[in-house]
C-alpha atoms as a PDB file:
ATOM      1  CA  MET A   1      -5.336  14.232  19.043  1.00  0.00           C
ATOM      2  CA  ILE A   2      -3.433  14.412  15.760  1.00  0.00           C
ATOM      3  CA  VAL A   3      -4.306  15.592  12.280  1.00  0.00           C
ATOM      4  CA  VAL A   4      -3.728  12.925   9.643  1.00  0.00           C
ATOM      5  CA  ASP A   5      -3.667  13.159   5.888  1.00  0.00           C
ATOM      6  CA  THR A   6      -5.697  10.970   3.580  1.00  0.00           C
ATOM      7  CA  ASN A   7      -2.845   8.556   2.951  1.00  0.00           C
ATOM      8  CA  VAL A   8      -2.500   7.798   6.657  1.00  0.00           C
ATOM      9  CA  ILE A   9      -6.231   7.078   6.857  1.00  0.00           C
ATOM     10  CA  ALA A  10      -5.923   4.839   3.798  1.00  0.00           C
ATOM     11  CA  TYR A  11      -2.928   3.029   5.290  1.00  0.00           C
ATOM     12  CA  LEU A  12      -4.997   2.253   8.381  1.00  0.00           C
ATOM     13  CA  VAL A  13      -8.022   0.773   6.614  1.00  0.00           C
ATOM     14  CA  LEU A  14      -6.491  -0.675   3.432  1.00  0.00           C
ATOM     15  CA  GLU A  15      -4.011  -3.447   4.101  1.00  0.00           C
ATOM     16  CA  GLY A  16      -0.588  -2.635   2.675  1.00  0.00           C
ATOM     17  CA  GLU A  17       3.052  -1.792   3.274  1.00  0.00           C
ATOM     18  CA  HIS A  18       2.353   1.058   5.729  1.00  0.00           C
ATOM     19  CA  THR A  19      -0.593  -0.448   7.620  1.00  0.00           C
ATOM     20  CA  GLY A  20       1.577  -1.474  10.571  1.00  0.00           C
ATOM     21  CA  LEU A  21       2.827   2.085  11.055  1.00  0.00           C
ATOM     22  CA  ALA A  22      -0.688   3.505  10.776  1.00  0.00           C
ATOM     23  CA  ARG A  23      -1.874   1.038  13.410  1.00  0.00           C
ATOM     24  CA  LEU A  24       0.982   2.059  15.710  1.00  0.00           C
ATOM     25  CA  ALA A  25       0.013   5.708  15.275  1.00  0.00           C
ATOM     26  CA  PHE A  26      -3.642   4.875  15.972  1.00  0.00           C
ATOM     27  CA  ARG A  27      -2.759   2.911  19.102  1.00  0.00           C
ATOM     28  CA  ARG A  28      -0.618   5.775  20.342  1.00  0.00           C
ATOM     29  CA  ASP A  29      -3.265   8.418  19.603  1.00  0.00           C
ATOM     30  CA  PRO A  30      -6.672   7.153  18.421  1.00  0.00           C
ATOM     31  CA  ALA A  31      -8.188  10.648  18.146  1.00  0.00           C
ATOM     32  CA  TRP A  32      -7.647  11.518  14.487  1.00  0.00           C
ATOM     33  CA  ALA A  33      -8.733  14.764  12.851  1.00  0.00           C
ATOM     34  CA  ALA A  34      -8.731  15.816   9.190  1.00  0.00           C
ATOM     35  CA  PRO A  35     -10.148  18.512   6.947  1.00  0.00           C
ATOM     36  CA  THR A  36     -13.357  17.501   5.201  1.00  0.00           C
ATOM     37  CA  LEU A  37     -11.349  17.252   1.960  1.00  0.00           C
ATOM     38  CA  TRP A  38     -10.111  13.838   3.124  1.00  0.00           C
ATOM     39  CA  ARG A  39     -13.444  12.289   2.114  1.00  0.00           C
ATOM     40  CA  SER A  40     -13.116  13.237  -1.564  1.00  0.00           C
ATOM     41  CA  GLU A  41      -9.481  12.185  -1.661  1.00  0.00           C
ATOM     42  CA  PHE A  42     -10.250   8.869   0.008  1.00  0.00           C
ATOM     43  CA  CYS A  43     -13.147   8.146  -2.342  1.00  0.00           C
ATOM     44  CA  ASN A  44     -10.728   8.753  -5.198  1.00  0.00           C
ATOM     45  CA  VAL A  45      -8.282   6.236  -3.679  1.00  0.00           C
ATOM     46  CA  LEU A  46     -11.097   3.708  -3.344  1.00  0.00           C
ATOM     47  CA  ALA A  47     -12.247   4.316  -6.915  1.00  0.00           C
ATOM     48  CA  GLY A  48      -8.751   3.427  -8.092  1.00  0.00           C
ATOM     49  CA  TYR A  49      -8.794   0.214  -6.063  1.00  0.00           C
ATOM     50  CA  VAL A  50     -12.178  -0.738  -7.531  1.00  0.00           C
ATOM     51  CA  ARG A  51     -11.130   0.074 -11.110  1.00  0.00           C
ATOM     52  CA  ARG A  52      -7.964  -2.028 -10.726  1.00  0.00           C
ATOM     53  CA  ARG A  53     -10.119  -4.762  -9.196  1.00  0.00           C
ATOM     54  CA  ASP A  54      -8.047  -4.721  -5.998  1.00  0.00           C
ATOM     55  CA  LEU A  55     -11.367  -4.280  -4.126  1.00  0.00           C
ATOM     56  CA  ASP A  56     -14.944  -4.889  -5.144  1.00  0.00           C
ATOM     57  CA  LEU A  57     -17.531  -2.199  -4.497  1.00  0.00           C
ATOM     58  CA  MET A  58     -18.758  -3.797  -1.262  1.00  0.00           C
ATOM     59  CA  GLN A  59     -15.207  -3.949   0.119  1.00  0.00           C
ATOM     60  CA  ALA A  60     -14.627  -0.328  -0.867  1.00  0.00           C
ATOM     61  CA  LEU A  61     -17.833   0.742   0.870  1.00  0.00           C
ATOM     62  CA  GLU A  62     -16.782  -1.116   4.010  1.00  0.00           C
ATOM     63  CA  ALA A  63     -13.365   0.599   3.895  1.00  0.00           C
ATOM     64  CA  LEU A  64     -15.163   3.939   3.549  1.00  0.00           C
ATOM     65  CA  ARG A  65     -17.349   3.201   6.588  1.00  0.00           C
ATOM     66  CA  LEU A  66     -14.297   2.234   8.636  1.00  0.00           C
ATOM     67  CA  ALA A  67     -12.412   5.359   7.574  1.00  0.00           C
ATOM     68  CA  GLU A  68     -15.411   7.553   8.367  1.00  0.00           C
ATOM     69  CA  SER A  69     -15.649   6.050  11.845  1.00  0.00           C
ATOM     70  CA  THR A  70     -11.955   6.759  12.387  1.00  0.00           C
ATOM     71  CA  VAL A  71     -12.354  10.540  12.029  1.00  0.00           C
ATOM     72  CA  HIS A  72     -16.023  10.787  13.043  1.00  0.00           C
ATOM     73  CA  GLY A  73     -16.699  14.078  14.789  1.00  0.00           C
ATOM     74  CA  CYS A  74     -13.191  15.369  14.099  1.00  0.00           C
ATOM     75  CA  GLU A  75     -13.538  16.846  10.625  1.00  0.00           C
ATOM     76  CA  PHE A  76     -12.779  20.502  10.050  1.00  0.00           C
ATOM     77  CA  GLN A  77     -12.966  23.071   7.292  1.00  0.00           C
ATOM     78  CA  PRO A  78      -9.857  25.254   7.427  1.00  0.00           C
ATOM     79  CA  SER A  79      -9.896  28.859   6.310  1.00  0.00           C
ATOM     80  CA  SER A  80      -9.467  29.138   2.537  1.00  0.00           C
ATOM     81  CA  GLU A  81      -7.337  32.214   3.125  1.00  0.00           C
ATOM     82  CA  ALA A  82      -4.995  30.242   5.380  1.00  0.00           C
ATOM     83  CA  VAL A  83      -4.802  27.433   2.814  1.00  0.00           C
ATOM     84  CA  LEU A  84      -3.885  29.847   0.028  1.00  0.00           C
ATOM     85  CA  GLN A  85      -1.273  31.602   2.173  1.00  0.00           C
ATOM     86  CA  LEU A  86       0.362  28.256   3.018  1.00  0.00           C
ATOM     87  CA  ALA A  87       0.322  27.179  -0.626  1.00  0.00           C
ATOM     88  CA  ALA A  88       1.918  30.481  -1.665  1.00  0.00           C
ATOM     89  CA  GLN A  89       4.778  30.074   0.818  1.00  0.00           C
ATOM     90  CA  SER A  90       5.498  26.427  -0.002  1.00  0.00           C
ATOM     91  CA  ARG A  91       5.776  23.959  -2.858  1.00  0.00           C
ATOM     92  CA  CYS A  92       2.743  22.015  -1.606  1.00  0.00           C
ATOM     93  CA  SER A  93      -0.600  21.839  -3.362  1.00  0.00           C
ATOM     94  CA  ALA A  94      -3.574  23.690  -1.935  1.00  0.00           C
ATOM     95  CA  TYR A  95      -5.047  20.256  -1.209  1.00  0.00           C
ATOM     96  CA  ASP A  96      -2.068  19.381   0.989  1.00  0.00           C
ATOM     97  CA  CYS A  97      -2.186  22.808   2.612  1.00  0.00           C
ATOM     98  CA  GLU A  98      -5.734  22.066   3.825  1.00  0.00           C
ATOM     99  CA  PHE A  99      -4.173  19.486   6.142  1.00  0.00           C
ATOM    100  CA  ILE A 100      -1.465  21.892   7.321  1.00  0.00           C
ATOM    101  CA  ALA A 101      -4.025  24.682   7.846  1.00  0.00           C
ATOM    102  CA  SER A 102      -6.195  22.292   9.861  1.00  0.00           C
ATOM    103  CA  ALA A 103      -3.226  21.339  12.027  1.00  0.00           C
ATOM    104  CA  HIS A 104      -2.373  25.024  12.568  1.00  0.00           C
ATOM    105  CA  GLN A 105      -5.995  25.905  13.338  1.00  0.00           C
ATOM    106  CA  LEU A 106      -6.229  23.115  15.924  1.00  0.00           C
ATOM    107  CA  GLY A 107      -2.712  23.552  17.308  1.00  0.00           C
ATOM    108  CA  LEU A 108      -1.917  19.923  16.516  1.00  0.00           C
ATOM    109  CA  PRO A 109       0.757  18.059  14.556  1.00  0.00           C
ATOM    110  CA  LEU A 110       0.018  16.620  11.120  1.00  0.00           C
ATOM    111  CA  VAL A 111       1.056  13.001  10.630  1.00  0.00           C
ATOM    112  CA  THR A 112       1.944  12.236   7.029  1.00  0.00           C
ATOM    113  CA  SER A 113       4.268  10.272   4.790  1.00  0.00           C
ATOM    114  CA  ASP A 114       4.280  13.037   2.163  1.00  0.00           C
ATOM    115  CA  ARG A 115       7.908  14.119   1.701  1.00  0.00           C
ATOM    116  CA  GLN A 116       6.994  17.564   0.319  1.00  0.00           C
ATOM    117  CA  ILE A 117       4.835  18.377   3.333  1.00  0.00           C
ATOM    118  CA  LEU A 118       7.518  17.098   5.695  1.00  0.00           C
ATOM    119  CA  ASP A 119      10.161  19.211   3.954  1.00  0.00           C
ATOM    120  CA  ASP A 120       8.108  22.402   3.674  1.00  0.00           C
ATOM    121  CA  PHE A 121       6.441  22.283   7.107  1.00  0.00           C
ATOM    122  CA  PRO A 122       8.886  20.596   9.506  1.00  0.00           C
ATOM    123  CA  GLU A 123       7.488  22.549  12.466  1.00  0.00           C
ATOM    124  CA  THR A 124       4.031  21.020  11.954  1.00  0.00           C
ATOM    125  CA  ALA A 125       4.441  17.733  10.085  1.00  0.00           C
ATOM    126  CA  ILE A 126       5.567  14.476  11.672  1.00  0.00           C
ATOM    127  CA  ALA A 127       6.565  11.508   9.547  1.00  0.00           C
ATOM    128  CA  LEU A 128       4.377   8.456   9.951  1.00  0.00           C
ATOM    129  CA  SER A 129       7.616   6.468  10.089  1.00  0.00           C
ATOM    130  CA  ALA A 130       8.446   8.179  13.410  1.00  0.00           C
ATOM    131  CA  PHE A 131       5.866   5.936  15.049  1.00  0.00           C
ATOM    132  CA  SER A 132       8.046   2.876  14.436  1.00  0.00           C
ATOM    133  CA  ALA A 133      10.598   4.279  16.871  1.00  0.00           C
ATOM    134  CA  SER A 134       8.139   5.709  19.384  1.00  0.00           C
ATOM    135  CA  GLY A 135       6.177   2.508  20.041  1.00  0.00           C
END
């Protein structure tokens, strides 16, 4: 099992530049976990796609269903205290620290493409791009 951030979930279900890497990560470890915050962030991503007319509402709803099935049963609410402590010791937003706190709480790595998270939490965060070399 791995913790993934919202962008990795989006890369998996919304065809784009990083979809291949997300699929490699999913094939390697299909048990994905995330804090419940991912849902709000992902809906915001989908809203942007719909507003730009990159997806219609039905396509966005289907992407949401697919994303929900990807992390079904593996959503967590990290401690707010832990989130705030991580935010205070880093340059990451509290939103990003929810993913780090979830990874810490579960004793799992966080897969991300977020450079700030990778820089500030190298002991926990793994770059999505690492999956291209790991097959």
